Amino acid sequence: MIKVLVVDDSAFMRKLISDFINGESDMTVLETARNGKDALLKLEKAAYDVVTLDIEMPEMNGIDALREIMKGTPLPVLMVSSLTTEGAQQTITAMEEGAVDFIAKPSGSISLDLHHVKDEILFKIRAAAGAKVEQVTSVSTRSPMHTEDRIGTASITAEKKILAIAASTGGPKALQKVLPLLPKDFAAPIFIVQHMPPTFTKSLAERLNHISSIHIKEAEDGEIAKKGTAYIAPGGSHLKVKKMGRSLIVEVTDSAPVNGHRPSADELFLSLSDIAGYGLVGVVLTGMGYDGAQGLKEMKNKQSCIAVTESAKTSVVYGMPKVAREKANSDYSLDLNDIADFLNNQIVWE
């Protein structure tokens, strides 16, 4: 039984979320709390598997409460955020501070239509219950690669290269440990799919750009891809890449969701599998489900491609990388802290 603490300053929202959870046979709400201070007191008195934590609350907000939780005995926290620019920025901060994932309220702090995301709430609580959490370290550091993490010796020899990255649950924090360690003159364009709704991907891109040497932005339809720039798929849209003459052109489309996702990593990877003349590097980081596995397999089957998956040891949720490792027969399985050095030293500069 998954034991949940529901934290929200709205009594209505506490009851609505609690009713969703208590309606399931495998989870229960042990307690509710009206703000961060109240939540910390409740956490001292009982053991919980997951906390759903509202961001905007009086006395102690969700971000401050999250920091206190992660300082002590960390446990999986799902942030509950409004679909606003400010809410998105706060959510990205929460991801950096150690939250596993987030749920976006459809219509503000008191969402009468929360039932629209009921299935997402329950799905993410189940995923969070099995997630790995640890005390937050704010500085990304380089570390020597562990040879035992290598499961292959593949390399690419093409002069021109493309890097593509897929991530879901735990992805914002994982990207923060990879992208800031890539140099400004990184010799490839970078395409990223992070499962997020609109508004949130723009805030993510802005935050990552602020702490990185490479340029990071939300992708725009029709722009020419450049080396040393990372393009993040806009929430609610697919990101694809096509070759036009000697240039790579970014495509942003609103076609149907794939694997339940839009953006979908498979859509990005499949588009890259049709581009000849480049050495492809596909990376699948932490996340729920199996998005990206089929596309990564096609990249390997059709082009010169190295497939890298994050290890079970460091993945917040070892779903997407596990399926990709098995289905695409990934060449390397690496701990998160090793991936940036691997990209810099073993792939891009060969």
Protein backbone atom coordinates (compact mmCIF):
# COMPACT_ATOMS: atom_id res chain seq x y z
CA MET A 1 0.00 0.00 0.00
CA ILE A 2 1.40 3.39 -1.05
CA LYS A 3 1.07 5.82 1.85
CA VAL A 4 0.60 9.43 0.73
CA LEU A 5 0.73 12.83 2.44
CA VAL A 6 -1.36 15.42 0.56
CA VAL A 7 -0.27 19.04 1.12
CA ASP A 8 -2.36 21.97 -0.13
CA ASP A 9 -3.65 25.16 1.46
CA SER A 10 -7.08 24.63 -0.12
CA ALA A 11 -9.33 22.27 1.83
CA PHE A 12 -11.23 21.59 -1.39
CA MET A 13 -8.07 20.55 -3.24
CA ARG A 14 -6.92 18.38 -0.34
CA LYS A 15 -10.25 16.54 -0.38
CA LEU A 16 -10.34 16.17 -4.16
CA ILE A 17 -6.81 14.74 -4.38
CA SER A 18 -7.43 12.54 -1.35
CA ASP A 19 -10.65 11.16 -2.87
CA PHE A 20 -8.76 10.25 -6.06
CA ILE A 21 -6.10 8.41 -4.07
CA ASN A 22 -8.41 6.70 -1.59
CA GLY A 23 -10.50 5.38 -4.47
CA GLU A 24 -7.58 3.15 -5.50
CA SER A 25 -6.88 -0.24 -3.92
CA ASP A 26 -3.10 0.17 -3.80
CA MET A 27 -2.77 3.61 -2.19
CA THR A 28 -4.14 5.61 0.70
CA VAL A 29 -3.87 9.12 2.16
CA LEU A 30 -2.56 8.76 5.70
CA GLU A 31 -2.73 12.48 6.40
CA THR A 32 -3.21 15.90 4.82
CA ALA A 33 -1.45 19.19 5.59
CA ARG A 34 -2.46 22.81 4.95
CA ASN A 35 1.03 24.25 4.36
CA GLY A 36 4.72 23.39 4.40
CA LYS A 37 5.13 23.82 8.14
CA ASP A 38 2.20 21.54 8.83
CA ALA A 39 3.62 19.00 6.36
CA LEU A 40 7.00 18.84 8.10
CA LEU A 41 5.26 18.17 11.43
CA LYS A 42 3.21 15.36 9.86
CA LEU A 43 6.34 13.84 8.31
CA GLU A 44 7.94 13.62 11.76
CA LYS A 45 5.08 11.52 13.09
CA ALA A 46 4.65 8.87 10.39
CA ALA A 47 6.40 7.23 7.44
CA TYR A 48 5.15 8.08 3.96
CA ASP A 49 5.97 6.74 0.50
CA VAL A 50 4.99 9.84 -1.51
CA VAL A 51 4.17 13.49 -0.80
CA THR A 52 2.03 15.61 -3.13
CA LEU A 53 3.13 19.17 -2.44
CA ASP A 54 1.40 22.36 -3.55
CA ILE A 55 3.80 25.18 -4.43
CA GLU A 56 1.89 28.31 -3.42
CA MET A 57 0.95 28.16 0.29
CA PRO A 58 1.02 30.55 3.28
CA GLU A 59 3.48 30.31 6.22
CA MET A 60 5.80 27.94 4.34
CA ASN A 61 5.52 27.40 0.59
CA GLY A 62 6.16 24.18 -1.27
CA ILE A 63 9.69 25.05 -2.40
CA ASP A 64 10.88 25.78 1.14
CA ALA A 65 9.17 22.67 2.46
CA LEU A 66 10.78 20.58 -0.29
CA ARG A 67 14.22 21.88 0.63
CA GLU A 68 13.67 20.85 4.25
CA ILE A 69 12.42 17.41 3.22
CA MET A 70 15.44 16.80 0.97
CA LYS A 71 17.88 17.96 3.67
CA GLY A 72 16.70 15.37 6.13
CA THR A 73 15.42 11.99 5.02
CA PRO A 74 14.55 12.44 1.34
CA LEU A 75 11.44 10.81 -0.06
CA PRO A 76 9.58 11.07 -3.37
CA VAL A 77 7.80 14.41 -3.75
CA LEU A 78 5.34 15.35 -6.52
CA MET A 79 4.89 19.09 -6.89
CA VAL A 80 1.42 20.44 -7.69
CA SER A 81 1.70 23.57 -9.82
CA SER A 82 -0.46 26.03 -11.70
CA LEU A 83 -0.17 26.31 -15.49
CA THR A 84 1.35 29.79 -15.41
CA THR A 85 4.76 31.17 -16.29
CA GLU A 86 5.48 31.80 -12.60
CA GLY A 87 4.21 28.33 -11.71
CA ALA A 88 6.45 26.80 -14.38
CA GLN A 89 9.52 28.65 -13.11
CA GLN A 90 8.82 27.52 -9.55
CA THR A 91 8.33 23.97 -10.75
CA ILE A 92 11.70 23.93 -12.53
CA THR A 93 13.29 25.15 -9.30
CA ALA A 94 11.55 22.32 -7.45
CA MET A 95 12.92 19.76 -9.92
CA GLU A 96 16.42 21.10 -9.24
CA GLU A 97 15.78 20.84 -5.51
CA GLY A 98 14.95 17.15 -5.76
CA ALA A 99 11.24 16.76 -6.58
CA VAL A 100 10.61 13.61 -8.61
CA ASP A 101 7.93 15.07 -10.88
CA PHE A 102 5.05 17.48 -10.98
CA ILE A 103 1.34 17.72 -11.71
CA ALA A 104 -0.03 20.82 -13.42
CA LYS A 105 -3.40 22.06 -12.15
CA PRO A 106 -5.59 22.66 -15.23
CA SER A 107 -7.14 25.94 -14.09
CA GLY A 108 -5.28 27.66 -11.29
CA SER A 109 -4.72 27.09 -7.59
CA ILE A 110 -8.27 25.82 -7.04
CA SER A 111 -9.03 23.65 -10.07
CA LEU A 112 -12.62 22.47 -10.15
CA ASP A 113 -11.68 20.42 -13.22
CA LEU A 114 -8.84 18.52 -11.55
CA HIS A 115 -10.56 15.29 -12.61
CA HIS A 116 -9.09 15.92 -16.08
CA VAL A 117 -5.66 14.99 -14.68
CA LYS A 118 -6.86 12.32 -12.25
CA ASP A 119 -5.25 9.47 -14.19
CA GLU A 120 -1.99 11.40 -14.44
CA ILE A 121 -1.98 12.03 -10.68
CA LEU A 122 -2.48 8.35 -9.89
CA PHE A 123 0.04 7.22 -12.51
CA LYS A 124 2.70 9.59 -11.19
CA ILE A 125 2.10 8.64 -7.56
CA ARG A 126 2.68 4.98 -8.45
CA ALA A 127 5.84 5.87 -10.37
CA ALA A 128 7.09 8.15 -7.60
CA ALA A 129 6.62 5.41 -5.01
CA GLY A 130 9.30 3.39 -6.78
CA ALA A 131 11.59 6.32 -7.59
CA LYS A 132 15.09 6.81 -6.25
CA VAL A 133 15.68 10.02 -4.33
CA GLU A 134 18.78 11.39 -2.69
CA GLN A 135 19.95 14.49 -0.94
CA VAL A 136 20.42 17.28 -3.44
CA THR A 137 23.87 18.40 -4.54
CA SER A 138 23.74 21.67 -6.42
CA VAL A 139 27.05 21.47 -8.28
CA SER A 140 27.55 19.31 -11.34
CA THR A 141 31.01 17.76 -11.30
CA ARG A 142 33.05 15.73 -13.71
CA SER A 143 33.99 12.24 -12.63
CA PRO A 144 36.17 9.54 -14.18
CA MET A 145 34.20 7.04 -16.21
CA HIS A 146 33.80 3.64 -14.62
CA THR A 147 34.91 1.03 -17.12
CA GLU A 148 32.47 -1.48 -15.68
CA ASP A 149 29.63 0.76 -16.90
CA ARG A 150 30.61 0.24 -20.52
CA ILE A 151 28.72 -2.50 -22.30
CA GLY A 152 30.18 -1.89 -25.74
CA THR A 153 32.99 -0.33 -27.75
CA ALA A 154 30.96 1.33 -30.49
CA SER A 155 32.13 4.58 -32.03
CA ILE A 156 31.20 6.78 -34.97
CA THR A 157 33.59 8.17 -37.55
CA ALA A 158 31.41 10.64 -39.44
CA GLU A 159 32.79 14.17 -39.35
CA LYS A 160 29.35 15.72 -38.73
CA LYS A 161 27.43 14.57 -35.68
CA ILE A 162 24.04 15.01 -34.03
CA LEU A 163 23.23 14.47 -30.36
CA ALA A 164 19.66 13.62 -29.34
CA ILE A 165 18.48 13.20 -25.74
CA ALA A 166 15.23 11.82 -24.32
CA ALA A 167 14.06 12.19 -20.71
CA SER A 168 10.92 12.09 -18.61
CA THR A 169 10.52 11.66 -14.84
CA GLY A 170 13.64 13.04 -13.17
CA GLY A 171 14.76 14.51 -16.48
CA PRO A 172 15.11 18.20 -15.57
CA LYS A 173 17.58 17.38 -12.82
CA ALA A 174 19.38 14.87 -15.05
CA LEU A 175 19.74 17.42 -17.85
CA GLN A 176 21.18 19.83 -15.31
CA LYS A 177 23.96 17.32 -14.65
CA VAL A 178 24.79 16.88 -18.35
CA LEU A 179 24.25 20.05 -20.36
CA PRO A 180 26.24 22.51 -18.17
CA LEU A 181 29.31 20.30 -18.63
CA LEU A 182 29.29 20.55 -22.43
CA PRO A 183 31.66 23.22 -23.82
CA LYS A 184 30.50 26.31 -25.70
CA ASP A 185 32.05 25.03 -28.94
CA PHE A 186 30.38 21.62 -28.70
CA ALA A 187 30.71 20.22 -32.20
CA ALA A 188 27.11 19.12 -32.79
CA PRO A 189 23.56 20.42 -32.55
CA ILE A 190 21.60 18.89 -29.66
CA PHE A 191 17.93 17.95 -29.80
CA ILE A 192 16.06 17.21 -26.57
CA VAL A 193 12.67 15.75 -25.74
CA GLN A 194 11.66 16.21 -22.11
CA HIS A 195 8.10 15.18 -21.32
CA MET A 196 6.46 18.40 -20.12
CA PRO A 197 3.37 20.50 -20.89
CA PRO A 198 3.48 23.92 -22.60
CA THR A 199 5.06 26.82 -20.66
CA PHE A 200 7.18 24.46 -18.58
CA THR A 201 9.60 23.61 -21.41
CA LYS A 202 10.32 27.28 -22.03
CA SER A 203 11.13 27.82 -18.35
CA LEU A 204 13.31 24.70 -18.41
CA ALA A 205 15.22 25.94 -21.46
CA GLU A 206 15.76 29.37 -19.91
CA ARG A 207 17.04 27.89 -16.65
CA LEU A 208 19.39 25.43 -18.36
CA ASN A 209 20.67 28.16 -20.69
CA HIS A 210 21.47 30.35 -17.68
CA ILE A 211 23.76 27.72 -16.13
CA SER A 212 25.34 26.31 -19.32
CA SER A 213 28.07 27.32 -21.76
CA ILE A 214 26.18 26.03 -24.78
CA HIS A 215 23.10 27.92 -25.97
CA ILE A 216 19.83 26.24 -24.93
CA LYS A 217 16.43 27.29 -26.22
CA GLU A 218 12.93 26.07 -26.89
CA ALA A 219 12.82 24.81 -30.49
CA GLU A 220 11.06 26.89 -33.15
CA ASP A 221 9.63 25.53 -36.36
CA GLY A 222 11.77 26.20 -39.45
CA GLU A 223 14.98 27.34 -37.75
CA ILE A 224 18.37 26.08 -38.94
CA ALA A 225 20.08 23.93 -36.31
CA LYS A 226 23.53 25.09 -35.21
CA LYS A 227 26.42 23.38 -33.47
CA GLY A 228 26.71 24.17 -29.78
CA THR A 229 22.98 24.84 -29.47
CA ALA A 230 20.44 22.62 -27.73
CA TYR A 231 16.83 22.66 -28.95
CA ILE A 232 14.19 21.54 -26.43
CA ALA A 233 10.88 20.29 -27.83
CA PRO A 234 8.07 22.68 -26.85
CA GLY A 235 5.54 21.13 -24.49
CA GLY A 236 2.50 19.97 -26.41
CA SER A 237 4.36 19.68 -29.73
CA HIS A 238 6.60 17.12 -31.41
CA LEU A 239 10.17 17.95 -32.39
CA LYS A 240 11.56 16.53 -35.63
CA VAL A 241 14.62 17.23 -37.74
CA LYS A 242 14.98 17.13 -41.51
CA LYS A 243 17.91 17.65 -43.86
CA MET A 244 17.65 20.40 -46.46
CA GLY A 245 20.71 20.79 -48.62
CA ARG A 246 23.66 21.04 -46.22
CA SER A 247 21.52 22.25 -43.32
CA LEU A 248 19.46 20.61 -40.60
CA ILE A 249 16.02 22.17 -40.23
CA VAL A 250 13.96 22.03 -37.03
CA GLU A 251 10.35 20.94 -37.36
CA VAL A 252 7.78 21.56 -34.63
CA THR A 253 4.44 19.82 -35.28
CA ASP A 254 1.13 19.29 -33.52
CA SER A 255 0.44 15.81 -34.88
CA ALA A 256 -1.16 13.17 -32.65
CA PRO A 257 0.56 12.01 -29.44
CA VAL A 258 2.88 9.01 -29.74
CA ASN A 259 3.21 6.54 -26.86
CA GLY A 260 0.84 8.87 -25.03
CA HIS A 261 3.32 11.74 -25.30
CA ARG A 262 3.60 14.99 -27.20
CA PRO A 263 6.49 15.68 -27.48
CA SER A 264 7.60 12.10 -28.06
CA ALA A 265 11.21 10.92 -28.15
CA ASP A 266 10.29 8.32 -30.75
CA GLU A 267 9.13 11.06 -33.13
CA LEU A 268 12.48 12.85 -32.77
CA PHE A 269 14.59 9.70 -33.04
CA LEU A 270 12.66 8.35 -36.02
CA SER A 271 13.15 11.62 -37.90
CA LEU A 272 16.89 11.41 -37.23
CA SER A 273 17.01 7.81 -38.46
CA ASP A 274 16.19 9.14 -41.95
CA ILE A 275 19.10 11.61 -42.02
CA ALA A 276 22.16 10.25 -43.80
CA GLY A 277 25.71 11.59 -43.65
CA TYR A 278 25.79 12.26 -39.91
CA GLY A 279 27.03 10.26 -36.95
CA LEU A 280 24.13 10.01 -34.52
CA VAL A 281 24.35 9.81 -30.75
CA GLY A 282 21.12 8.89 -28.98
CA VAL A 283 20.85 9.18 -25.21
CA VAL A 284 17.91 7.97 -23.11
CA LEU A 285 17.84 9.29 -19.55
CA THR A 286 15.56 8.56 -16.61
CA GLY A 287 11.83 8.28 -17.20
CA MET A 288 8.65 6.24 -16.99
CA GLY A 289 7.45 4.05 -19.83
CA TYR A 290 9.14 3.15 -23.09
CA ASP A 291 9.19 6.29 -25.24
CA GLY A 292 12.35 6.50 -27.34
CA ALA A 293 13.18 2.79 -27.48
CA GLN A 294 11.79 2.11 -30.97
CA GLY A 295 13.24 5.32 -32.39
CA LEU A 296 16.66 4.57 -30.93
CA LYS A 297 16.53 1.11 -32.46
CA GLU A 298 15.77 2.62 -35.88
CA MET A 299 18.63 5.10 -35.52
CA LYS A 300 21.00 2.19 -34.94
CA ASN A 301 19.53 0.09 -37.75
CA LYS A 302 19.60 2.82 -40.42
CA GLN A 303 22.56 5.07 -39.60
CA SER A 304 25.94 5.23 -37.88
CA CYS A 305 24.73 5.60 -34.31
CA ILE A 306 25.90 5.15 -30.74
CA ALA A 307 23.12 4.44 -28.25
CA VAL A 308 23.65 5.46 -24.63
CA THR A 309 21.25 4.71 -21.76
CA GLU A 310 21.41 5.93 -18.19
CA SER A 311 22.20 3.20 -15.69
CA ALA A 312 19.72 1.70 -13.25
CA LYS A 313 21.97 2.94 -10.46
CA THR A 314 21.35 6.64 -11.13
CA SER A 315 17.98 6.71 -12.92
CA VAL A 316 15.22 8.23 -10.80
CA VAL A 317 12.89 5.86 -12.66
CA TYR A 318 14.57 3.08 -14.63
CA GLY A 319 11.81 2.68 -17.21
CA MET A 320 12.70 4.42 -20.48
CA PRO A 321 16.44 3.63 -20.29
CA LYS A 322 15.76 0.00 -19.36
CA VAL A 323 13.45 -0.58 -22.33
CA ALA A 324 15.79 1.31 -24.67
CA ARG A 325 18.77 -0.72 -23.47
CA GLU A 326 16.91 -3.96 -24.14
CA LYS A 327 15.06 -3.07 -27.35
CA ALA A 328 17.77 -1.01 -29.04
CA ASN A 329 20.67 -3.01 -27.58
CA SER A 330 22.33 0.15 -26.33
CA ASP A 331 26.10 0.38 -26.71
CA TYR A 332 26.78 1.97 -23.34
CA SER A 333 24.98 2.08 -20.01
CA LEU A 334 26.43 4.92 -17.94
CA ASP A 335 25.89 6.56 -14.59
CA LEU A 336 24.49 10.05 -14.97
CA ASN A 337 27.65 11.79 -13.74
CA ASP A 338 29.67 10.02 -16.45
CA ILE A 339 27.52 10.93 -19.45
CA ALA A 340 28.80 14.46 -20.13
CA ASP A 341 32.46 13.39 -20.07
CA PHE A 342 31.61 10.45 -22.29
CA LEU A 343 29.96 12.73 -24.83
CA ASN A 344 32.87 15.19 -24.73
CA ASN A 345 35.79 12.76 -24.74
CA GLN A 346 34.60 9.63 -26.47
CA ILE A 347 32.13 10.76 -29.10
CA VAL A 348 32.06 14.35 -30.24
CA TRP A 349 35.80 14.86 -30.46
CA GLU A 350 36.75 11.57 -32.12
